[in-house]
Amino acid sequence: MQLVLTVFAGAIFLAVGGALVRVLRGPTLWDRISGLALVGTKTLILLVVVGQLSGRPEMFIDIALAYGLIGFLSMLVLAKYFEAGREP
């Protein structure tokens, strides 16, 4: 089971790299924002998998929940900011 989780963690890590490419090279602002949301989601999954690998999933799930809440609130703030018509 450890091998499967390790391979899965590596695949998620590569997916985070792909999403970071979208954040850096996205042609529009909305592509960059959606790429940033994707990085946050993949990081949550990676935290839970690392928690399972370390044998302490309860600690990593708490961290993932806090990180998810911060990511959700930051996406709401960005959407509200750009909805008001203020471009960077």
Protein backbone atom coordinates (compact mmCIF):
# COMPACT_ATOMS: atom_id res chain seq x y z
CA MET A 1 0.00 0.00 0.00
CA GLN A 2 2.90 2.34 0.71
CA LEU A 3 4.15 1.96 -2.85
CA VAL A 4 0.74 2.83 -4.30
CA LEU A 5 0.47 5.94 -2.11
CA THR A 6 4.01 7.00 -3.01
CA VAL A 7 3.32 6.68 -6.73
CA PHE A 8 0.04 8.55 -6.29
CA ALA A 9 1.82 11.35 -4.38
CA GLY A 10 4.36 11.62 -7.20
CA ALA A 11 1.61 11.87 -9.79
CA ILE A 12 -0.17 14.59 -7.81
CA PHE A 13 3.13 16.45 -7.43
CA LEU A 14 3.54 16.40 -11.22
CA ALA A 15 -0.04 17.65 -11.61
CA VAL A 16 0.78 20.57 -9.31
CA GLY A 17 3.73 21.36 -11.58
CA GLY A 18 1.45 21.38 -14.60
CA ALA A 19 -0.98 23.72 -12.85
CA LEU A 20 1.88 26.03 -11.93
CA VAL A 21 2.78 26.25 -15.61
CA ARG A 22 -0.79 27.42 -16.27
CA VAL A 23 -0.47 30.01 -13.50
CA LEU A 24 2.78 31.39 -14.92
CA ARG A 25 1.92 31.25 -18.63
CA GLY A 26 -1.86 31.58 -18.66
CA PRO A 27 -2.97 33.83 -21.51
CA THR A 28 -5.74 35.46 -19.49
CA LEU A 29 -6.21 36.45 -15.89
CA TRP A 30 -8.98 33.88 -15.42
CA ASP A 31 -6.70 31.08 -16.63
CA ARG A 32 -4.19 32.09 -13.98
CA ILE A 33 -6.82 32.23 -11.25
CA SER A 34 -8.26 28.82 -12.17
CA GLY A 35 -4.71 27.41 -12.26
CA LEU A 36 -4.13 28.81 -8.78
CA ALA A 37 -7.32 27.15 -7.54
CA LEU A 38 -6.15 23.89 -9.10
CA VAL A 39 -2.81 24.16 -7.28
CA GLY A 40 -4.69 24.59 -4.00
CA THR A 41 -6.89 21.57 -4.65
CA LYS A 42 -3.97 19.34 -5.60
CA THR A 43 -2.06 20.50 -2.52
CA LEU A 44 -4.98 19.42 -0.34
CA ILE A 45 -4.92 15.96 -1.88
CA LEU A 46 -1.15 15.79 -1.48
CA LEU A 47 -1.41 16.71 2.20
CA VAL A 48 -3.89 13.91 2.86
CA VAL A 49 -1.74 11.35 1.01
CA VAL A 50 1.40 12.45 2.89
CA GLY A 51 -0.57 12.09 6.13
CA GLN A 52 -1.43 8.51 5.22
CA LEU A 53 2.19 7.79 4.34
CA SER A 54 3.47 9.21 7.61
CA GLY A 55 0.96 7.29 9.72
CA ARG A 56 -0.52 10.48 11.22
CA PRO A 57 -3.48 11.29 8.95
CA GLU A 58 -5.42 13.20 11.63
CA MET A 59 -2.76 15.91 11.88
CA PHE A 60 -2.45 16.36 8.11
CA ILE A 61 -6.23 16.37 7.60
CA ASP A 62 -6.53 19.26 10.06
CA ILE A 63 -3.84 21.16 8.16
CA ALA A 64 -5.55 20.37 4.84
CA LEU A 65 -8.90 21.65 6.14
CA ALA A 66 -7.36 24.93 7.28
CA TYR A 67 -5.50 25.30 3.97
CA GLY A 68 -8.69 24.58 2.03
CA LEU A 69 -10.62 27.21 3.97
CA ILE A 70 -7.92 29.82 3.35
CA GLY A 71 -7.84 28.92 -0.35
CA PHE A 72 -11.61 29.14 -0.67
CA LEU A 73 -11.76 32.52 1.02
CA SER A 74 -8.93 33.89 -1.09
CA MET A 75 -10.72 32.82 -4.29
CA LEU A 76 -13.86 34.59 -3.08
CA VAL A 77 -11.88 37.76 -2.40
CA LEU A 78 -10.22 37.62 -5.84
CA ALA A 79 -13.55 37.08 -7.57
CA LYS A 80 -15.15 39.97 -5.70
CA TYR A 81 -12.17 42.21 -6.47
CA PHE A 82 -12.22 41.53 -10.20
CA GLU A 83 -16.01 41.61 -10.38
CA ALA A 84 -15.87 45.22 -9.22
CA GLY A 85 -13.95 46.04 -12.40
CA ARG A 86 -10.54 46.65 -10.93
CA GLU A 87 -7.98 45.06 -13.21
CA PRO A 88 -4.40 44.56 -12.00
